[in-house]
Amino acid sequence: MAAQSNGLGRYALDKGAAYARDRSVWGKPIGAHQAVAHPLAKAHIEVELARLATTRAAWLYDQNDPAAGEAANVAKYAAAEAAINAVDASVQAHGGNGMSAEYGIGH
């Protein structure tokens, strides 16, 4: 579940960042505005931290370490929270298009 949530978070961030780079308002990309860029950057950090937690849990499991179960639970929680925040940041970056089926984020 952690790996799936990490993938979802990365997918959402890819979509949000691409839209923020491509969508231009008043002659510059919307990603140049802090109100758009900062939530995406925060979500990116959260997803990367969740990926590290997932990697750690997998490593502990491979080492037959008894702490692997706890680490897996930490990774699942961190990855789910990061994915939720990444999807939200991407939907917000898309504005009114965030829930449109053709953009593939909120639908």
PDB file of N, CA and C in Angstrom:
ATOM      1  N   MET A   1       0.817  -1.193   0.000  1.00  0.00           N
ATOM      2  CA  MET A   1       0.000   0.000   0.000  1.00  0.00           C
ATOM      3  C   MET A   1       0.860   1.257   0.000  1.00  0.00           C
ATOM      4  N   ALA A   2       1.958   1.221   0.704  1.00  0.00           N
ATOM      5  CA  ALA A   2       2.828   2.401   0.723  1.00  0.00           C
ATOM      6  C   ALA A   2       3.363   2.691  -0.669  1.00  0.00           C
ATOM      7  N   ALA A   3       3.795   1.642  -1.365  1.00  0.00           N
ATOM      8  CA  ALA A   3       4.341   1.842  -2.708  1.00  0.00           C
ATOM      9  C   ALA A   3       3.266   2.360  -3.658  1.00  0.00           C
ATOM     10  N   GLN A   4       2.056   1.848  -3.532  1.00  0.00           N
ATOM     11  CA  GLN A   4       0.960   2.321  -4.384  1.00  0.00           C
ATOM     12  C   GLN A   4       0.660   3.787  -4.096  1.00  0.00           C
ATOM     13  N   SER A   5       0.621   4.163  -2.844  1.00  0.00           N
ATOM     14  CA  SER A   5       0.370   5.558  -2.482  1.00  0.00           C
ATOM     15  C   SER A   5       1.507   6.461  -2.957  1.00  0.00           C
ATOM     16  N   ASN A   6       2.740   5.960  -2.869  1.00  0.00           N
ATOM     17  CA  ASN A   6       3.873   6.746  -3.385  1.00  0.00           C
ATOM     18  C   ASN A   6       3.711   6.989  -4.880  1.00  0.00           C
ATOM     19  N   GLY A   7       3.295   5.960  -5.604  1.00  0.00           N
ATOM     20  CA  GLY A   7       3.090   6.107  -7.034  1.00  0.00           C
ATOM     21  C   GLY A   7       1.984   7.095  -7.357  1.00  0.00           C
ATOM     22  N   LEU A   8       0.904   7.027  -6.601  1.00  0.00           N
ATOM     23  CA  LEU A   8      -0.201   7.975  -6.794  1.00  0.00           C
ATOM     24  C   LEU A   8       0.265   9.400  -6.550  1.00  0.00           C
ATOM     25  N   GLY A   9       1.036   9.600  -5.481  1.00  0.00           N
ATOM     26  CA  GLY A   9       1.555  10.930  -5.179  1.00  0.00           C
ATOM     27  C   GLY A   9       2.460  11.456  -6.279  1.00  0.00           C
ATOM     28  N   ARG A  10       3.333  10.601  -6.788  1.00  0.00           N
ATOM     29  CA  ARG A  10       4.233  11.022  -7.872  1.00  0.00           C
ATOM     30  C   ARG A  10       3.447  11.341  -9.140  1.00  0.00           C
ATOM     31  N   TYR A  11       2.436  10.544  -9.436  1.00  0.00           N
ATOM     32  CA  TYR A  11       1.591  10.792 -10.612  1.00  0.00           C
ATOM     33  C   TYR A  11       0.917  12.163 -10.499  1.00  0.00           C
ATOM     34  N   ALA A  12       0.309  12.418  -9.344  1.00  0.00           N
ATOM     35  CA  ALA A  12      -0.383  13.691  -9.141  1.00  0.00           C
ATOM     36  C   ALA A  12       0.586  14.863  -9.246  1.00  0.00           C
ATOM     37  N   LEU A  13       1.760  14.738  -8.658  1.00  0.00           N
ATOM     38  CA  LEU A  13       2.742  15.817  -8.728  1.00  0.00           C
ATOM     39  C   LEU A  13       3.222  16.048 -10.152  1.00  0.00           C
ATOM     40  N   ASP A  14       3.431  14.972 -10.896  1.00  0.00           N
ATOM     41  CA  ASP A  14       3.829  15.128 -12.302  1.00  0.00           C
ATOM     42  C   ASP A  14       2.778  15.910 -13.083  1.00  0.00           C
ATOM     43  N   LYS A  15       1.509  15.557 -12.865  1.00  0.00           N
ATOM     44  CA  LYS A  15       0.419  16.248 -13.557  1.00  0.00           C
ATOM     45  C   LYS A  15       0.334  17.712 -13.129  1.00  0.00           C
ATOM     46  N   GLY A  16       0.406  17.967 -11.832  1.00  0.00           N
ATOM     47  CA  GLY A  16       0.310  19.333 -11.328  1.00  0.00           C
ATOM     48  C   GLY A  16       1.469  20.205 -11.768  1.00  0.00           C
ATOM     49  N   ALA A  17       2.688  19.666 -11.707  1.00  0.00           N
ATOM     50  CA  ALA A  17       3.863  20.439 -12.110  1.00  0.00           C
ATOM     51  C   ALA A  17       3.845  20.727 -13.607  1.00  0.00           C
ATOM     52  N   ALA A  18       3.440  19.747 -14.405  1.00  0.00           N
ATOM     53  CA  ALA A  18       3.368  19.970 -15.857  1.00  0.00           C
ATOM     54  C   ALA A  18       2.351  21.048 -16.192  1.00  0.00           C
ATOM     55  N   TYR A  19       1.208  21.008 -15.526  1.00  0.00           N
ATOM     56  CA  TYR A  19       0.179  22.019 -15.769  1.00  0.00           C
ATOM     57  C   TYR A  19       0.679  23.398 -15.342  1.00  0.00           C
ATOM     58  N   ALA A  20       1.354  23.463 -14.198  1.00  0.00           N
ATOM     59  CA  ALA A  20       1.864  24.742 -13.701  1.00  0.00           C
ATOM     60  C   ALA A  20       2.943  25.311 -14.632  1.00  0.00           C
ATOM     61  N   ARG A  21       3.701  24.445 -15.299  1.00  0.00           N
ATOM     62  CA  ARG A  21       4.708  24.912 -16.263  1.00  0.00           C
ATOM     63  C   ARG A  21       4.072  25.364 -17.568  1.00  0.00           C
ATOM     64  N   ASP A  22       3.021  24.653 -18.003  1.00  0.00           N
ATOM     65  CA  ASP A  22       2.427  24.896 -19.324  1.00  0.00           C
ATOM     66  C   ASP A  22       1.359  25.975 -19.349  1.00  0.00           C
ATOM     67  N   ARG A  23       0.606  26.111 -18.266  1.00  0.00           N
ATOM     68  CA  ARG A  23      -0.504  27.068 -18.223  1.00  0.00           C
ATOM     69  C   ARG A  23       0.057  28.453 -17.974  1.00  0.00           C
ATOM     70  N   SER A  24      -0.240  29.370 -18.866  1.00  0.00           N
ATOM     71  CA  SER A  24       0.290  30.720 -18.770  1.00  0.00           C
ATOM     72  C   SER A  24      -0.843  31.716 -18.564  1.00  0.00           C
ATOM     73  N   VAL A  25      -0.636  32.625 -17.627  1.00  0.00           N
ATOM     74  CA  VAL A  25      -1.577  33.707 -17.356  1.00  0.00           C
ATOM     75  C   VAL A  25      -0.763  34.994 -17.235  1.00  0.00           C
ATOM     76  N   TRP A  26      -1.203  36.028 -17.896  1.00  0.00           N
ATOM     77  CA  TRP A  26      -0.526  37.323 -17.894  1.00  0.00           C
ATOM     78  C   TRP A  26       0.938  37.200 -18.334  1.00  0.00           C
ATOM     79  N   GLY A  27       1.181  36.326 -19.293  1.00  0.00           N
ATOM     80  CA  GLY A  27       2.498  36.223 -19.900  1.00  0.00           C
ATOM     81  C   GLY A  27       3.530  35.376 -19.177  1.00  0.00           C
ATOM     82  N   LYS A  28       3.156  34.706 -18.088  1.00  0.00           N
ATOM     83  CA  LYS A  28       4.117  33.828 -17.419  1.00  0.00           C
ATOM     84  C   LYS A  28       3.396  32.592 -16.887  1.00  0.00           C
ATOM     85  N   PRO A  29       4.131  31.494 -16.746  1.00  0.00           N
ATOM     86  CA  PRO A  29       3.508  30.261 -16.258  1.00  0.00           C
ATOM     87  C   PRO A  29       2.946  30.444 -14.849  1.00  0.00           C
ATOM     88  N   ILE A  30       1.831  29.785 -14.566  1.00  0.00           N
ATOM     89  CA  ILE A  30       1.236  29.928 -13.231  1.00  0.00           C
ATOM     90  C   ILE A  30       2.149  29.369 -12.151  1.00  0.00           C
ATOM     91  N   GLY A  31       3.043  28.459 -12.509  1.00  0.00           N
ATOM     92  CA  GLY A  31       3.988  27.903 -11.551  1.00  0.00           C
ATOM     93  C   GLY A  31       4.991  28.918 -11.043  1.00  0.00           C
ATOM     94  N   ALA A  32       5.096  30.064 -11.718  1.00  0.00           N
ATOM     95  CA  ALA A  32       5.997  31.121 -11.269  1.00  0.00           C
ATOM     96  C   ALA A  32       5.433  31.850 -10.051  1.00  0.00           C
ATOM     97  N   HIS A  33       4.181  31.630  -9.755  1.00  0.00           N
ATOM     98  CA  HIS A  33       3.534  32.270  -8.605  1.00  0.00           C
ATOM     99  C   HIS A  33       3.674  31.383  -7.376  1.00  0.00           C
ATOM    100  N   GLN A  34       4.077  31.962  -6.265  1.00  0.00           N
ATOM    101  CA  GLN A  34       4.311  31.198  -5.044  1.00  0.00           C
ATOM    102  C   GLN A  34       3.070  30.462  -4.558  1.00  0.00           C
ATOM    103  N   ALA A  35       1.911  31.034  -4.767  1.00  0.00           N
ATOM    104  CA  ALA A  35       0.676  30.405  -4.301  1.00  0.00           C
ATOM    105  C   ALA A  35       0.427  29.075  -5.005  1.00  0.00           C
ATOM    106  N   VAL A  36       0.985  28.892  -6.185  1.00  0.00           N
ATOM    107  CA  VAL A  36       0.860  27.634  -6.916  1.00  0.00           C
ATOM    108  C   VAL A  36       2.071  26.746  -6.640  1.00  0.00           C
ATOM    109  N   ALA A  37       3.260  27.318  -6.675  1.00  0.00           N
ATOM    110  CA  ALA A  37       4.488  26.532  -6.562  1.00  0.00           C
ATOM    111  C   ALA A  37       4.709  25.954  -5.163  1.00  0.00           C
ATOM    112  N   HIS A  38       4.441  26.707  -4.122  1.00  0.00           N
ATOM    113  CA  HIS A  38       4.754  26.245  -2.766  1.00  0.00           C
ATOM    114  C   HIS A  38       3.965  25.008  -2.339  1.00  0.00           C
ATOM    115  N   PRO A  39       2.656  24.927  -2.580  1.00  0.00           N
ATOM    116  CA  PRO A  39       1.955  23.689  -2.214  1.00  0.00           C
ATOM    117  C   PRO A  39       2.471  22.469  -2.978  1.00  0.00           C
ATOM    118  N   LEU A  40       2.831  22.658  -4.242  1.00  0.00           N
ATOM    119  CA  LEU A  40       3.391  21.541  -5.012  1.00  0.00           C
ATOM    120  C   LEU A  40       4.756  21.138  -4.456  1.00  0.00           C
ATOM    121  N   ALA A  41       5.561  22.114  -4.077  1.00  0.00           N
ATOM    122  CA  ALA A  41       6.875  21.810  -3.508  1.00  0.00           C
ATOM    123  C   ALA A  41       6.741  21.090  -2.169  1.00  0.00           C
ATOM    124  N   LYS A  42       5.821  21.536  -1.336  1.00  0.00           N
ATOM    125  CA  LYS A  42       5.585  20.883  -0.041  1.00  0.00           C
ATOM    126  C   LYS A  42       5.130  19.438  -0.250  1.00  0.00           C
ATOM    127  N   ALA A  43       4.225  19.234  -1.187  1.00  0.00           N
ATOM    128  CA  ALA A  43       3.743  17.879  -1.482  1.00  0.00           C
ATOM    129  C   ALA A  43       4.878  17.007  -2.015  1.00  0.00           C
ATOM    130  N   HIS A  44       5.749  17.593  -2.827  1.00  0.00           N
ATOM    131  CA  HIS A  44       6.892  16.841  -3.354  1.00  0.00           C
ATOM    132  C   HIS A  44       7.783  16.346  -2.216  1.00  0.00           C
ATOM    133  N   ILE A  45       8.053  17.211  -1.257  1.00  0.00           N
ATOM    134  CA  ILE A  45       8.881  16.830  -0.106  1.00  0.00           C
ATOM    135  C   ILE A  45       8.212  15.709   0.675  1.00  0.00           C
ATOM    136  N   GLU A  46       6.913  15.820   0.909  1.00  0.00           N
ATOM    137  CA  GLU A  46       6.193  14.787   1.652  1.00  0.00           C
ATOM    138  C   GLU A  46       6.238  13.441   0.926  1.00  0.00           C
ATOM    139  N   VAL A  47       6.076  13.458  -0.390  1.00  0.00           N
ATOM    140  CA  VAL A  47       6.133  12.213  -1.164  1.00  0.00           C
ATOM    141  C   VAL A  47       7.535  11.610  -1.091  1.00  0.00           C
ATOM    142  N   GLU A  48       8.551  12.439  -1.201  1.00  0.00           N
ATOM    143  CA  GLU A  48       9.926  11.915  -1.127  1.00  0.00           C
ATOM    144  C   GLU A  48      10.219  11.320   0.251  1.00  0.00           C
ATOM    145  N   LEU A  49       9.747  11.957   1.308  1.00  0.00           N
ATOM    146  CA  LEU A  49       9.934  11.406   2.652  1.00  0.00           C
ATOM    147  C   LEU A  49       9.201  10.075   2.807  1.00  0.00           C
ATOM    148  N   ALA A  50       8.009   9.984   2.247  1.00  0.00           N
ATOM    149  CA  ALA A  50       7.254   8.728   2.301  1.00  0.00           C
ATOM    150  C   ALA A  50       7.971   7.631   1.519  1.00  0.00           C
ATOM    151  N   ARG A  51       8.575   7.997   0.391  1.00  0.00           N
ATOM    152  CA  ARG A  51       9.339   7.015  -0.381  1.00  0.00           C
ATOM    153  C   ARG A  51      10.537   6.507   0.420  1.00  0.00           C
ATOM    154  N   LEU A  52      11.191   7.400   1.147  1.00  0.00           N
ATOM    155  CA  LEU A  52      12.304   6.976   1.993  1.00  0.00           C
ATOM    156  C   LEU A  52      11.827   6.037   3.101  1.00  0.00           C
ATOM    157  N   ALA A  53      10.691   6.346   3.703  1.00  0.00           N
ATOM    158  CA  ALA A  53      10.136   5.476   4.741  1.00  0.00           C
ATOM    159  C   ALA A  53       9.790   4.102   4.166  1.00  0.00           C
ATOM    160  N   THR A  54       9.270   4.084   2.942  1.00  0.00           N
ATOM    161  CA  THR A  54       8.932   2.821   2.292  1.00  0.00           C
ATOM    162  C   THR A  54      10.189   2.007   2.007  1.00  0.00           C
ATOM    163  N   THR A  55      11.224   2.666   1.529  1.00  0.00           N
ATOM    164  CA  THR A  55      12.492   1.986   1.260  1.00  0.00           C
ATOM    165  C   THR A  55      13.083   1.428   2.547  1.00  0.00           C
ATOM    166  N   ARG A  56      13.009   2.193   3.602  1.00  0.00           N
ATOM    167  CA  ARG A  56      13.522   1.732   4.900  1.00  0.00           C
ATOM    168  C   ARG A  56      12.757   0.508   5.375  1.00  0.00           C
ATOM    169  N   ALA A  57      11.441   0.544   5.248  1.00  0.00           N
ATOM    170  CA  ALA A  57      10.626  -0.607   5.680  1.00  0.00           C
ATOM    171  C   ALA A  57      10.983  -1.855   4.875  1.00  0.00           C
ATOM    172  N   ALA A  58      11.164  -1.701   3.585  1.00  0.00           N
ATOM    173  CA  ALA A  58      11.526  -2.840   2.740  1.00  0.00           C
ATOM    174  C   ALA A  58      12.902  -3.382   3.121  1.00  0.00           C
ATOM    175  N   TRP A  59      13.843  -2.473   3.403  1.00  0.00           N
ATOM    176  CA  TRP A  59      15.182  -2.906   3.799  1.00  0.00           C
ATOM    177  C   TRP A  59      15.129  -3.671   5.116  1.00  0.00           C
ATOM    178  N   LEU A  60      14.389  -3.141   6.082  1.00  0.00           N
ATOM    179  CA  LEU A  60      14.268  -3.838   7.370  1.00  0.00           C
ATOM    180  C   LEU A  60      13.638  -5.217   7.190  1.00  0.00           C
ATOM    181  N   TYR A  61      12.651  -5.305   6.338  1.00  0.00           N
ATOM    182  CA  TYR A  61      12.018  -6.594   6.061  1.00  0.00           C
ATOM    183  C   TYR A  61      13.025  -7.571   5.453  1.00  0.00           C
ATOM    184  N   ASP A  62      13.811  -7.093   4.497  1.00  0.00           N
ATOM    185  CA  ASP A  62      14.833  -7.938   3.871  1.00  0.00           C
ATOM    186  C   ASP A  62      15.884  -8.410   4.869  1.00  0.00           C
ATOM    187  N   GLN A  63      16.117  -7.622   5.914  1.00  0.00           N
ATOM    188  CA  GLN A  63      17.100  -7.975   6.950  1.00  0.00           C
ATOM    189  C   GLN A  63      16.482  -8.830   8.054  1.00  0.00           C
ATOM    190  N   ASN A  64      15.211  -9.186   7.930  1.00  0.00           N
ATOM    191  CA  ASN A  64      14.475  -9.937   8.963  1.00  0.00           C
ATOM    192  C   ASN A  64      14.497  -9.218  10.307  1.00  0.00           C
ATOM    193  N   ASP A  65      14.479  -7.910  10.255  1.00  0.00           N
ATOM    194  CA  ASP A  65      14.490  -7.094  11.463  1.00  0.00           C
ATOM    195  C   ASP A  65      13.081  -7.050  12.045  1.00  0.00           C
ATOM    196  N   PRO A  66      12.936  -7.273  13.335  1.00  0.00           N
ATOM    197  CA  PRO A  66      11.606  -7.233  13.955  1.00  0.00           C
ATOM    198  C   PRO A  66      10.923  -5.855  13.862  1.00  0.00           C
ATOM    199  N   ALA A  67      11.694  -4.817  13.617  1.00  0.00           N
ATOM    200  CA  ALA A  67      11.120  -3.478  13.500  1.00  0.00           C
ATOM    201  C   ALA A  67      10.475  -3.245  12.136  1.00  0.00           C
ATOM    202  N   ALA A  68      10.527  -4.225  11.262  1.00  0.00           N
ATOM    203  CA  ALA A  68       9.990  -4.060   9.908  1.00  0.00           C
ATOM    204  C   ALA A  68       8.488  -3.801   9.912  1.00  0.00           C
ATOM    205  N   GLY A  69       7.747  -4.442  10.785  1.00  0.00           N
ATOM    206  CA  GLY A  69       6.294  -4.242  10.837  1.00  0.00           C
ATOM    207  C   GLY A  69       5.930  -2.814  11.198  1.00  0.00           C
ATOM    208  N   GLU A  70       6.578  -2.297  12.213  1.00  0.00           N
ATOM    209  CA  GLU A  70       6.330  -0.905  12.605  1.00  0.00           C
ATOM    210  C   GLU A  70       6.730   0.049  11.483  1.00  0.00           C
ATOM    211  N   ALA A  71       7.872  -0.210  10.859  1.00  0.00           N
ATOM    212  CA  ALA A  71       8.336   0.640   9.765  1.00  0.00           C
ATOM    213  C   ALA A  71       7.365   0.599   8.589  1.00  0.00           C
ATOM    214  N   ALA A  72       6.791  -0.561   8.330  1.00  0.00           N
ATOM    215  CA  ALA A  72       5.812  -0.674   7.240  1.00  0.00           C
ATOM    216  C   ALA A  72       4.565   0.144   7.547  1.00  0.00           C
ATOM    217  N   ASN A  73       4.136   0.126   8.798  1.00  0.00           N
ATOM    218  CA  ASN A  73       2.972   0.932   9.183  1.00  0.00           C
ATOM    219  C   ASN A  73       3.263   2.424   9.080  1.00  0.00           C
ATOM    220  N   VAL A  74       4.453   2.832   9.474  1.00  0.00           N
ATOM    221  CA  VAL A  74       4.858   4.232   9.332  1.00  0.00           C
ATOM    222  C   VAL A  74       4.855   4.616   7.857  1.00  0.00           C
ATOM    223  N   ALA A  75       5.416   3.748   7.019  1.00  0.00           N
ATOM    224  CA  ALA A  75       5.485   4.031   5.579  1.00  0.00           C
ATOM    225  C   ALA A  75       4.092   4.125   4.973  1.00  0.00           C
ATOM    226  N   LYS A  76       3.193   3.223   5.367  1.00  0.00           N
ATOM    227  CA  LYS A  76       1.822   3.267   4.824  1.00  0.00           C
ATOM    228  C   LYS A  76       1.130   4.574   5.203  1.00  0.00           C
ATOM    229  N   TYR A  77       1.258   4.971   6.452  1.00  0.00           N
ATOM    230  CA  TYR A  77       0.621   6.209   6.895  1.00  0.00           C
ATOM    231  C   TYR A  77       1.224   7.414   6.181  1.00  0.00           C
ATOM    232  N   ALA A  78       2.553   7.487   6.162  1.00  0.00           N
ATOM    233  CA  ALA A  78       3.224   8.629   5.535  1.00  0.00           C
ATOM    234  C   ALA A  78       2.889   8.718   4.048  1.00  0.00           C
ATOM    235  N   ALA A  79       2.874   7.581   3.373  1.00  0.00           N
ATOM    236  CA  ALA A  79       2.601   7.573   1.940  1.00  0.00           C
ATOM    237  C   ALA A  79       1.153   7.947   1.644  1.00  0.00           C
ATOM    238  N   ALA A  80       0.225   7.478   2.442  1.00  0.00           N
ATOM    239  CA  ALA A  80      -1.184   7.826   2.224  1.00  0.00           C
ATOM    240  C   ALA A  80      -1.411   9.322   2.438  1.00  0.00           C
ATOM    241  N   GLU A  81      -0.848   9.868   3.502  1.00  0.00           N
ATOM    242  CA  GLU A  81      -0.974  11.302   3.757  1.00  0.00           C
ATOM    243  C   GLU A  81      -0.319  12.119   2.642  1.00  0.00           C
ATOM    244  N   ALA A  82       0.852  11.691   2.210  1.00  0.00           N
ATOM    245  CA  ALA A  82       1.561  12.407   1.145  1.00  0.00           C
ATOM    246  C   ALA A  82       0.770  12.357  -0.155  1.00  0.00           C
ATOM    247  N   ALA A  83       0.184  11.207  -0.463  1.00  0.00           N
ATOM    248  CA  ALA A  83      -0.607  11.082  -1.697  1.00  0.00           C
ATOM    249  C   ALA A  83      -1.827  11.988  -1.658  1.00  0.00           C
ATOM    250  N   ILE A  84      -2.508  12.022  -0.531  1.00  0.00           N
ATOM    251  CA  ILE A  84      -3.685  12.890  -0.387  1.00  0.00           C
ATOM    252  C   ILE A  84      -3.284  14.344  -0.617  1.00  0.00           C
ATOM    253  N   ASN A  85      -2.185  14.769   0.009  1.00  0.00           N
ATOM    254  CA  ASN A  85      -1.737  16.154  -0.136  1.00  0.00           C
ATOM    255  C   ASN A  85      -1.258  16.459  -1.549  1.00  0.00           C
ATOM    256  N   ALA A  86      -0.627  15.485  -2.198  1.00  0.00           N
ATOM    257  CA  ALA A  86      -0.161  15.690  -3.571  1.00  0.00           C
ATOM    258  C   ALA A  86      -1.333  15.833  -4.537  1.00  0.00           C
ATOM    259  N   VAL A  87      -2.346  14.992  -4.371  1.00  0.00           N
ATOM    260  CA  VAL A  87      -3.528  15.105  -5.227  1.00  0.00           C
ATOM    261  C   VAL A  87      -4.216  16.445  -4.995  1.00  0.00           C
ATOM    262  N   ASP A  88      -4.338  16.848  -3.744  1.00  0.00           N
ATOM    263  CA  ASP A  88      -4.980  18.129  -3.445  1.00  0.00           C
ATOM    264  C   ASP A  88      -4.188  19.287  -4.057  1.00  0.00           C
ATOM    265  N   ALA A  89      -2.868  19.283  -3.906  1.00  0.00           N
ATOM    266  CA  ALA A  89      -2.047  20.354  -4.477  1.00  0.00           C
ATOM    267  C   ALA A  89      -2.173  20.391  -5.997  1.00  0.00           C
ATOM    268  N   SER A  90      -2.246  19.229  -6.606  1.00  0.00           N
ATOM    269  CA  SER A  90      -2.383  19.167  -8.064  1.00  0.00           C
ATOM    270  C   SER A  90      -3.748  19.686  -8.509  1.00  0.00           C
ATOM    271  N   VAL A  91      -4.793  19.271  -7.814  1.00  0.00           N
ATOM    272  CA  VAL A  91      -6.143  19.759  -8.144  1.00  0.00           C
ATOM    273  C   VAL A  91      -6.186  21.272  -7.986  1.00  0.00           C
ATOM    274  N   GLN A  92      -5.611  21.789  -6.913  1.00  0.00           N
ATOM    275  CA  GLN A  92      -5.614  23.231  -6.677  1.00  0.00           C
ATOM    276  C   GLN A  92      -4.805  23.965  -7.758  1.00  0.00           C
ATOM    277  N   ALA A  93      -3.691  23.392  -8.193  1.00  0.00           N
ATOM    278  CA  ALA A  93      -2.897  24.020  -9.250  1.00  0.00           C
ATOM    279  C   ALA A  93      -3.681  24.090 -10.553  1.00  0.00           C
ATOM    280  N   HIS A  94      -4.498  23.092 -10.796  1.00  0.00           N
ATOM    281  CA  HIS A  94      -5.319  23.067 -12.001  1.00  0.00           C
ATOM    282  C   HIS A  94      -6.508  24.022 -11.915  1.00  0.00           C
ATOM    283  N   GLY A  95      -6.813  24.493 -10.720  1.00  0.00           N
ATOM    284  CA  GLY A  95      -7.947  25.403 -10.553  1.00  0.00           C
ATOM    285  C   GLY A  95      -9.238  24.742 -10.973  1.00  0.00           C
ATOM    286  N   GLY A  96     -10.026  25.429 -11.787  1.00  0.00           N
ATOM    287  CA  GLY A  96     -11.312  24.906 -12.246  1.00  0.00           C
ATOM    288  C   GLY A  96     -11.193  23.658 -13.100  1.00  0.00           C
ATOM    289  N   ASN A  97     -10.007  23.389 -13.639  1.00  0.00           N
ATOM    290  CA  ASN A  97      -9.798  22.193 -14.445  1.00  0.00           C
ATOM    291  C   ASN A  97      -9.418  20.977 -13.603  1.00  0.00           C
ATOM    292  N   GLY A  98      -9.223  21.159 -12.316  1.00  0.00           N
ATOM    293  CA  GLY A  98      -8.759  20.086 -11.449  1.00  0.00           C
ATOM    294  C   GLY A  98      -9.675  18.889 -11.383  1.00  0.00           C
ATOM    295  N   MET A  99     -10.952  19.091 -11.560  1.00  0.00           N
ATOM    296  CA  MET A  99     -11.900  17.986 -11.497  1.00  0.00           C
ATOM    297  C   MET A  99     -12.378  17.542 -12.874  1.00  0.00           C
ATOM    298  N   SER A 100     -11.813  18.093 -13.929  1.00  0.00           N
ATOM    299  CA  SER A 100     -12.181  17.709 -15.283  1.00  0.00           C
ATOM    300  C   SER A 100     -11.562  16.373 -15.642  1.00  0.00           C
ATOM    301  N   ALA A 101     -12.341  15.498 -16.239  1.00  0.00           N
ATOM    302  CA  ALA A 101     -11.881  14.159 -16.575  1.00  0.00           C
ATOM    303  C   ALA A 101     -10.680  14.181 -17.527  1.00  0.00           C
ATOM    304  N   GLU A 102     -10.625  15.162 -18.429  1.00  0.00           N
ATOM    305  CA  GLU A 102      -9.546  15.164 -19.420  1.00  0.00           C
ATOM    306  C   GLU A 102      -8.169  15.461 -18.826  1.00  0.00           C
ATOM    307  N   TYR A 103      -8.113  15.988 -17.602  1.00  0.00           N
ATOM    308  CA  TYR A 103      -6.828  16.264 -16.973  1.00  0.00           C
ATOM    309  C   TYR A 103      -6.358  15.101 -16.084  1.00  0.00           C
ATOM    310  N   GLY A 104      -7.235  14.182 -15.756  1.00  0.00           N
ATOM    311  CA  GLY A 104      -6.862  12.957 -15.073  1.00  0.00           C
ATOM    312  C   GLY A 104      -6.399  13.094 -13.640  1.00  0.00           C
ATOM    313  N   ILE A 105      -6.889  14.077 -12.934  1.00  0.00           N
ATOM    314  CA  ILE A 105      -6.477  14.234 -11.537  1.00  0.00           C
ATOM    315  C   ILE A 105      -7.619  13.905 -10.588  1.00  0.00           C
ATOM    316  N   GLY A 106      -8.641  14.729 -10.557  1.00  0.00           N
ATOM    317  CA  GLY A 106      -9.699  14.581  -9.568  1.00  0.00           C
ATOM    318  C   GLY A 106     -10.838  13.678  -9.969  1.00  0.00           C
ATOM    319  N   HIS A 107     -10.813  13.211 -11.168  1.00  0.00           N
ATOM    320  CA  HIS A 107     -11.943  12.405 -11.668  1.00  0.00           C
ATOM    321  C   HIS A 107     -11.709  10.949 -11.430  1.00  0.00           C
TER     322      HIS A 107
END
